[in-house]
Amino acid sequence: MTQQQSPAAEQPPVRRGPGRPRHADTEARAYRAVLELFGQKGWSGLSLDGVATHAGIGKSSIYLRWKDKRDLLMDALHDLEEHLVVPEETENLKIRDYLVAHATARAELYLGEHGSALSHLYSAAHANPSEFAEIRQQNISRGILSLHGRIEKAVADGELPKDTSVFHLLDAIEGAVLVHVLFSSPKNNDDLSTGIGEYVRKLVDIQLRGIGATV
């Protein structure tokens, strides 16, 4: 006679410990945190542990994705670049309007949410050349060098004098924009943002007149 098997007793549901829950937006939160901390504390004050705490995510999530703070910062800068609003259809503008459009966009970036991180980027790259070599090439130099071709074309087309120095012209405009933002009080950011377009237009006109271009 076949013996009837008694049904196995139901197992109670497994209760998970109170560990930190996973977040679908871990990368976005880490990018925001690393840019905020870098802007506040600079390179020497930045750490993966600090980013995890600031972002409110587990340290293991950070260490599984990035081997060091440089890699995380580089990824955050790449992500920032992808979400930037850049001037559209500027290649066909006259050189004066082209320079104004790009310099204004750069100024608005410095005045934006992560402006302090970008200003720290320049000083950190200067103080830590080996650690920032790749960041310098991909995130600092590329933004400036991308304008060279258009200025060289303006020289070739006669919009600018033949003896125009591309480097000197860009240094004068880009450097002035950065200094203008850095040396202004954060309390005046709203006023600065309101007047930045007029400031840039006057700046570009002064530089173009200085090299003998028609404005």
C-alpha atoms as a PDB file:
ATOM      1  CA  MET A   1       0.000   0.000   0.000  1.00  0.00           C
ATOM      2  CA  THR A   2       1.391   3.318  -1.042  1.00  0.00           C
ATOM      3  CA  GLN A   3       2.187   5.598   1.843  1.00  0.00           C
ATOM      4  CA  GLN A   4       0.882   9.111   1.381  1.00  0.00           C
ATOM      5  CA  GLN A   5       3.485  11.841   1.544  1.00  0.00           C
ATOM      6  CA  SER A   6       2.619  14.706   3.849  1.00  0.00           C
ATOM      7  CA  PRO A   7       3.009  18.104   2.213  1.00  0.00           C
ATOM      8  CA  ALA A   8       6.122  19.967   3.158  1.00  0.00           C
ATOM      9  CA  ALA A   9       5.572  22.708   5.637  1.00  0.00           C
ATOM     10  CA  GLU A  10       5.551  26.157   4.094  1.00  0.00           C
ATOM     11  CA  GLN A  11       8.764  28.068   4.693  1.00  0.00           C
ATOM     12  CA  PRO A  12       8.334  31.519   6.237  1.00  0.00           C
ATOM     13  CA  PRO A  13       9.322  34.381   3.917  1.00  0.00           C
ATOM     14  CA  VAL A  14      12.941  35.393   4.146  1.00  0.00           C
ATOM     15  CA  ARG A  15      13.338  38.752   5.865  1.00  0.00           C
ATOM     16  CA  ARG A  16      16.082  40.925   4.502  1.00  0.00           C
ATOM     17  CA  GLY A  17      18.288  42.921   6.763  1.00  0.00           C
ATOM     18  CA  PRO A  18      18.063  46.687   6.998  1.00  0.00           C
ATOM     19  CA  GLY A  19      20.818  47.211   4.407  1.00  0.00           C
ATOM     20  CA  ARG A  20      20.848  50.207   2.126  1.00  0.00           C
ATOM     21  CA  PRO A  21      18.451  49.643  -0.816  1.00  0.00           C
ATOM     22  CA  ARG A  22      19.719  49.732  -4.363  1.00  0.00           C
ATOM     23  CA  HIS A  23      18.957  52.772  -6.440  1.00  0.00           C
ATOM     24  CA  ALA A  24      18.305  52.739 -10.159  1.00  0.00           C
ATOM     25  CA  ASP A  25      19.833  56.201 -10.389  1.00  0.00           C
ATOM     26  CA  THR A  26      23.124  55.327  -8.684  1.00  0.00           C
ATOM     27  CA  GLU A  27      25.282  56.739 -11.477  1.00  0.00           C
ATOM     28  CA  ALA A  28      23.326  59.983 -11.740  1.00  0.00           C
ATOM     29  CA  ARG A  29      23.496  60.499  -7.980  1.00  0.00           C
ATOM     30  CA  ALA A  30      27.218  59.708  -7.916  1.00  0.00           C
ATOM     31  CA  TYR A  31      27.890  62.157 -10.772  1.00  0.00           C
ATOM     32  CA  ARG A  32      25.980  64.922  -9.026  1.00  0.00           C
ATOM     33  CA  ALA A  33      27.716  64.224  -5.720  1.00  0.00           C
ATOM     34  CA  VAL A  34      31.252  64.129  -7.129  1.00  0.00           C
ATOM     35  CA  LEU A  35      30.740  67.432  -8.968  1.00  0.00           C
ATOM     36  CA  GLU A  36      29.252  69.075  -5.886  1.00  0.00           C
ATOM     37  CA  LEU A  37      32.053  67.863  -3.592  1.00  0.00           C
ATOM     38  CA  PHE A  38      34.760  68.716  -6.104  1.00  0.00           C
ATOM     39  CA  GLY A  39      33.288  72.203  -6.384  1.00  0.00           C
ATOM     40  CA  GLN A  40      33.196  72.591  -2.596  1.00  0.00           C
ATOM     41  CA  LYS A  41      36.432  70.901  -1.521  1.00  0.00           C
ATOM     42  CA  GLY A  42      38.637  70.642  -4.576  1.00  0.00           C
ATOM     43  CA  TRP A  43      40.733  67.669  -5.633  1.00  0.00           C
ATOM     44  CA  SER A  44      42.478  67.058  -2.298  1.00  0.00           C
ATOM     45  CA  GLY A  45      39.168  66.989  -0.427  1.00  0.00           C
ATOM     46  CA  LEU A  46      37.521  64.533  -2.795  1.00  0.00           C
ATOM     47  CA  SER A  47      37.191  60.799  -2.018  1.00  0.00           C
ATOM     48  CA  LEU A  48      35.012  57.897  -3.122  1.00  0.00           C
ATOM     49  CA  ASP A  49      33.830  57.394   0.452  1.00  0.00           C
ATOM     50  CA  GLY A  50      32.834  61.032   0.624  1.00  0.00           C
ATOM     51  CA  VAL A  51      30.930  60.760  -2.649  1.00  0.00           C
ATOM     52  CA  ALA A  52      29.028  57.706  -1.397  1.00  0.00           C
ATOM     53  CA  THR A  53      28.030  59.491   1.799  1.00  0.00           C
ATOM     54  CA  HIS A  54      27.084  62.695   0.008  1.00  0.00           C
ATOM     55  CA  ALA A  55      25.038  60.791  -2.589  1.00  0.00           C
ATOM     56  CA  GLY A  56      23.344  58.579   0.010  1.00  0.00           C
ATOM     57  CA  ILE A  57      24.340  55.343  -1.725  1.00  0.00           C
ATOM     58  CA  GLY A  58      26.350  52.336  -0.583  1.00  0.00           C
ATOM     59  CA  LYS A  59      30.126  52.472  -0.791  1.00  0.00           C
ATOM     60  CA  SER A  60      30.133  49.078  -2.521  1.00  0.00           C
ATOM     61  CA  SER A  61      28.068  50.561  -5.353  1.00  0.00           C
ATOM     62  CA  ILE A  62      30.721  53.212  -5.842  1.00  0.00           C
ATOM     63  CA  TYR A  63      33.734  50.897  -5.645  1.00  0.00           C
ATOM     64  CA  LEU A  64      32.171  48.356  -8.007  1.00  0.00           C
ATOM     65  CA  ARG A  65      31.827  51.005 -10.709  1.00  0.00           C
ATOM     66  CA  TRP A  66      34.904  53.205 -10.329  1.00  0.00           C
ATOM     67  CA  LYS A  67      38.421  52.291  -9.274  1.00  0.00           C
ATOM     68  CA  ASP A  68      39.323  55.789  -8.059  1.00  0.00           C
ATOM     69  CA  LYS A  69      38.051  59.349  -7.776  1.00  0.00           C
ATOM     70  CA  ARG A  70      39.694  60.404 -11.037  1.00  0.00           C
ATOM     71  CA  ASP A  71      37.686  57.867 -13.042  1.00  0.00           C
ATOM     72  CA  LEU A  72      34.458  58.926 -11.353  1.00  0.00           C
ATOM     73  CA  LEU A  73      35.147  62.613 -11.940  1.00  0.00           C
ATOM     74  CA  MET A  74      35.981  61.972 -15.588  1.00  0.00           C
ATOM     75  CA  ASP A  75      32.727  60.053 -16.114  1.00  0.00           C
ATOM     76  CA  ALA A  76      30.790  62.827 -14.388  1.00  0.00           C
ATOM     77  CA  LEU A  77      32.368  65.443 -16.657  1.00  0.00           C
ATOM     78  CA  HIS A  78      31.536  63.372 -19.739  1.00  0.00           C
ATOM     79  CA  ASP A  79      27.942  63.064 -18.540  1.00  0.00           C
ATOM     80  CA  LEU A  80      27.806  66.810 -17.919  1.00  0.00           C
ATOM     81  CA  GLU A  81      29.034  67.509 -21.445  1.00  0.00           C
ATOM     82  CA  GLU A  82      26.369  65.231 -22.927  1.00  0.00           C
ATOM     83  CA  HIS A  83      23.618  67.179 -21.192  1.00  0.00           C
ATOM     84  CA  LEU A  84      24.942  70.643 -21.959  1.00  0.00           C
ATOM     85  CA  VAL A  85      22.873  72.999 -24.046  1.00  0.00           C
ATOM     86  CA  VAL A  86      25.304  74.155 -26.709  1.00  0.00           C
ATOM     87  CA  PRO A  87      24.792  76.899 -29.293  1.00  0.00           C
ATOM     88  CA  GLU A  88      23.124  75.464 -32.384  1.00  0.00           C
ATOM     89  CA  GLU A  89      23.927  76.210 -35.999  1.00  0.00           C
ATOM     90  CA  THR A  90      26.719  78.637 -35.259  1.00  0.00           C
ATOM     91  CA  GLU A  91      29.071  77.638 -38.065  1.00  0.00           C
ATOM     92  CA  ASN A  92      27.343  79.905 -40.574  1.00  0.00           C
ATOM     93  CA  LEU A  93      27.322  82.934 -38.276  1.00  0.00           C
ATOM     94  CA  LYS A  94      29.655  85.838 -38.799  1.00  0.00           C
ATOM     95  CA  ILE A  95      32.776  85.445 -36.682  1.00  0.00           C
ATOM     96  CA  ARG A  96      31.699  88.145 -34.222  1.00  0.00           C
ATOM     97  CA  ASP A  97      28.340  86.456 -33.575  1.00  0.00           C
ATOM     98  CA  TYR A  98      30.009  83.035 -33.444  1.00  0.00           C
ATOM     99  CA  LEU A  99      32.443  84.147 -30.737  1.00  0.00           C
ATOM    100  CA  VAL A 100      29.651  85.840 -28.771  1.00  0.00           C
ATOM    101  CA  ALA A 101      27.466  82.712 -28.892  1.00  0.00           C
ATOM    102  CA  HIS A 102      30.183  80.376 -27.658  1.00  0.00           C
ATOM    103  CA  ALA A 103      31.593  82.730 -25.029  1.00  0.00           C
ATOM    104  CA  THR A 104      28.091  83.345 -23.666  1.00  0.00           C
ATOM    105  CA  ALA A 105      27.442  79.615 -23.463  1.00  0.00           C
ATOM    106  CA  ARG A 106      30.729  79.157 -21.612  1.00  0.00           C
ATOM    107  CA  ALA A 107      29.858  81.957 -19.167  1.00  0.00           C
ATOM    108  CA  GLU A 108      26.425  80.466 -18.497  1.00  0.00           C
ATOM    109  CA  LEU A 109      28.112  77.137 -17.795  1.00  0.00           C
ATOM    110  CA  TYR A 110      30.388  78.744 -15.207  1.00  0.00           C
ATOM    111  CA  LEU A 111      27.363  80.425 -13.636  1.00  0.00           C
ATOM    112  CA  GLY A 112      25.369  77.191 -13.617  1.00  0.00           C
ATOM    113  CA  GLU A 113      24.893  74.483 -11.038  1.00  0.00           C
ATOM    114  CA  HIS A 114      28.355  72.984 -11.442  1.00  0.00           C
ATOM    115  CA  GLY A 115      30.285  76.151 -12.193  1.00  0.00           C
ATOM    116  CA  SER A 116      32.436  75.851  -9.070  1.00  0.00           C
ATOM    117  CA  ALA A 117      33.465  72.328 -10.073  1.00  0.00           C
ATOM    118  CA  LEU A 118      34.562  73.571 -13.490  1.00  0.00           C
ATOM    119  CA  SER A 119      36.584  76.420 -12.013  1.00  0.00           C
ATOM    120  CA  HIS A 120      38.305  73.954  -9.642  1.00  0.00           C
ATOM    121  CA  LEU A 121      39.037  71.776 -12.651  1.00  0.00           C
ATOM    122  CA  TYR A 122      41.462  74.293 -14.115  1.00  0.00           C
ATOM    123  CA  SER A 123      43.462  74.755 -10.918  1.00  0.00           C
ATOM    124  CA  ALA A 124      43.487  71.012 -10.191  1.00  0.00           C
ATOM    125  CA  ALA A 125      44.743  70.241 -13.701  1.00  0.00           C
ATOM    126  CA  HIS A 126      47.562  72.735 -13.233  1.00  0.00           C
ATOM    127  CA  ALA A 127      48.534  71.383  -9.794  1.00  0.00           C
ATOM    128  CA  ASN A 128      48.173  67.691 -10.709  1.00  0.00           C
ATOM    129  CA  PRO A 129      49.310  67.414 -14.337  1.00  0.00           C
ATOM    130  CA  SER A 130      49.814  63.634 -14.401  1.00  0.00           C
ATOM    131  CA  GLU A 131      46.491  62.756 -12.769  1.00  0.00           C
ATOM    132  CA  PHE A 132      44.617  65.238 -14.925  1.00  0.00           C
ATOM    133  CA  ALA A 133      46.369  64.616 -18.245  1.00  0.00           C
ATOM    134  CA  GLU A 134      43.413  62.801 -19.787  1.00  0.00           C
ATOM    135  CA  ILE A 135      40.852  65.167 -18.267  1.00  0.00           C
ATOM    136  CA  ARG A 136      42.859  68.130 -19.558  1.00  0.00           C
ATOM    137  CA  GLN A 137      42.895  66.692 -23.067  1.00  0.00           C
ATOM    138  CA  GLN A 138      39.257  65.599 -23.197  1.00  0.00           C
ATOM    139  CA  ASN A 139      37.430  68.145 -21.067  1.00  0.00           C
ATOM    140  CA  ILE A 140      39.505  71.326 -21.023  1.00  0.00           C
ATOM    141  CA  SER A 141      41.559  71.643 -24.190  1.00  0.00           C
ATOM    142  CA  ARG A 142      38.946  70.126 -26.481  1.00  0.00           C
ATOM    143  CA  GLY A 143      36.376  72.787 -25.616  1.00  0.00           C
ATOM    144  CA  ILE A 144      38.774  75.564 -26.615  1.00  0.00           C
ATOM    145  CA  LEU A 145      40.428  73.808 -29.545  1.00  0.00           C
ATOM    146  CA  SER A 146      37.057  73.137 -31.138  1.00  0.00           C
ATOM    147  CA  LEU A 147      36.798  76.889 -31.828  1.00  0.00           C
ATOM    148  CA  HIS A 148      40.139  77.127 -33.617  1.00  0.00           C
ATOM    149  CA  GLY A 149      38.909  75.854 -36.965  1.00  0.00           C
ATOM    150  CA  ARG A 150      36.183  78.473 -37.244  1.00  0.00           C
ATOM    151  CA  ILE A 151      38.586  81.312 -36.411  1.00  0.00           C
ATOM    152  CA  GLU A 152      41.163  80.041 -38.898  1.00  0.00           C
ATOM    153  CA  LYS A 153      38.415  79.990 -41.526  1.00  0.00           C
ATOM    154  CA  ALA A 154      37.534  83.584 -40.657  1.00  0.00           C
ATOM    155  CA  VAL A 155      41.168  84.557 -41.235  1.00  0.00           C
ATOM    156  CA  ALA A 156      41.266  82.694 -44.559  1.00  0.00           C
ATOM    157  CA  ASP A 157      37.967  84.301 -45.681  1.00  0.00           C
ATOM    158  CA  GLY A 158      39.100  87.809 -44.771  1.00  0.00           C
ATOM    159  CA  GLU A 159      36.719  88.278 -41.820  1.00  0.00           C
ATOM    160  CA  LEU A 160      39.771  88.669 -39.595  1.00  0.00           C
ATOM    161  CA  PRO A 161      43.185  90.157 -40.396  1.00  0.00           C
ATOM    162  CA  LYS A 162      45.793  87.787 -41.817  1.00  0.00           C
ATOM    163  CA  ASP A 163      48.082  88.229 -38.822  1.00  0.00           C
ATOM    164  CA  THR A 164      45.403  87.279 -36.280  1.00  0.00           C
ATOM    165  CA  SER A 165      46.707  84.961 -33.568  1.00  0.00           C
ATOM    166  CA  VAL A 166      44.018  82.386 -32.840  1.00  0.00           C
ATOM    167  CA  PHE A 167      45.550  81.519 -29.475  1.00  0.00           C
ATOM    168  CA  HIS A 168      45.820  85.122 -28.314  1.00  0.00           C
ATOM    169  CA  LEU A 169      42.271  85.951 -29.387  1.00  0.00           C
ATOM    170  CA  LEU A 170      40.772  82.941 -27.630  1.00  0.00           C
ATOM    171  CA  ASP A 171      42.927  83.403 -24.529  1.00  0.00           C
ATOM    172  CA  ALA A 172      41.718  86.997 -24.238  1.00  0.00           C
ATOM    173  CA  ILE A 173      38.039  86.109 -24.571  1.00  0.00           C
ATOM    174  CA  GLU A 174      37.940  82.829 -22.625  1.00  0.00           C
ATOM    175  CA  GLY A 175      40.235  84.112 -19.888  1.00  0.00           C
ATOM    176  CA  ALA A 176      38.230  87.293 -19.420  1.00  0.00           C
ATOM    177  CA  VAL A 177      34.959  85.356 -19.133  1.00  0.00           C
ATOM    178  CA  LEU A 178      36.404  83.015 -16.506  1.00  0.00           C
ATOM    179  CA  VAL A 179      37.932  85.829 -14.440  1.00  0.00           C
ATOM    180  CA  HIS A 180      34.753  87.884 -14.684  1.00  0.00           C
ATOM    181  CA  VAL A 181      32.725  85.034 -13.184  1.00  0.00           C
ATOM    182  CA  LEU A 182      35.302  83.929 -10.601  1.00  0.00           C
ATOM    183  CA  PHE A 183      35.878  87.371  -9.142  1.00  0.00           C
ATOM    184  CA  SER A 184      32.218  88.218  -8.849  1.00  0.00           C
ATOM    185  CA  SER A 185      30.467  87.611  -5.541  1.00  0.00           C
ATOM    186  CA  PRO A 186      28.187  84.531  -5.513  1.00  0.00           C
ATOM    187  CA  LYS A 187      25.529  86.808  -4.001  1.00  0.00           C
ATOM    188  CA  ASN A 188      25.473  88.695  -7.286  1.00  0.00           C
ATOM    189  CA  ASN A 189      25.033  85.633  -9.515  1.00  0.00           C
ATOM    190  CA  ASP A 190      21.489  86.591 -10.519  1.00  0.00           C
ATOM    191  CA  ASP A 191      22.585  90.060 -11.592  1.00  0.00           C
ATOM    192  CA  LEU A 192      25.665  88.590 -13.246  1.00  0.00           C
ATOM    193  CA  SER A 193      23.575  86.091 -15.198  1.00  0.00           C
ATOM    194  CA  THR A 194      21.210  88.830 -16.329  1.00  0.00           C
ATOM    195  CA  GLY A 195      24.032  90.995 -17.658  1.00  0.00           C
ATOM    196  CA  ILE A 196      26.372  88.307 -18.977  1.00  0.00           C
ATOM    197  CA  GLY A 197      25.177  88.611 -22.570  1.00  0.00           C
ATOM    198  CA  GLU A 198      25.939  92.320 -22.727  1.00  0.00           C
ATOM    199  CA  TYR A 199      29.305  91.797 -21.030  1.00  0.00           C
ATOM    200  CA  VAL A 200      30.322  89.150 -23.566  1.00  0.00           C
ATOM    201  CA  ARG A 201      29.207  91.237 -26.547  1.00  0.00           C
ATOM    202  CA  LYS A 202      31.287  94.205 -25.375  1.00  0.00           C
ATOM    203  CA  LEU A 203      34.230  91.922 -24.600  1.00  0.00           C
ATOM    204  CA  VAL A 204      34.235  90.344 -28.059  1.00  0.00           C
ATOM    205  CA  ASP A 205      33.867  93.730 -29.765  1.00  0.00           C
ATOM    206  CA  ILE A 206      36.830  95.134 -27.821  1.00  0.00           C
ATOM    207  CA  GLN A 207      39.020  92.174 -28.790  1.00  0.00           C
ATOM    208  CA  LEU A 208      38.019  92.311 -32.450  1.00  0.00           C
ATOM    209  CA  ARG A 209      38.649  96.029 -32.677  1.00  0.00           C
ATOM    210  CA  GLY A 210      42.005  95.450 -31.000  1.00  0.00           C
ATOM    211  CA  ILE A 211      43.167  93.185 -33.821  1.00  0.00           C
ATOM    212  CA  GLY A 212      41.804  95.503 -36.493  1.00  0.00           C
ATOM    213  CA  ALA A 213      38.669  93.561 -37.403  1.00  0.00           C
ATOM    214  CA  THR A 214      35.464  95.252 -38.509  1.00  0.00           C
ATOM    215  CA  VAL A 215      32.722  95.024 -35.882  1.00  0.00           C
END
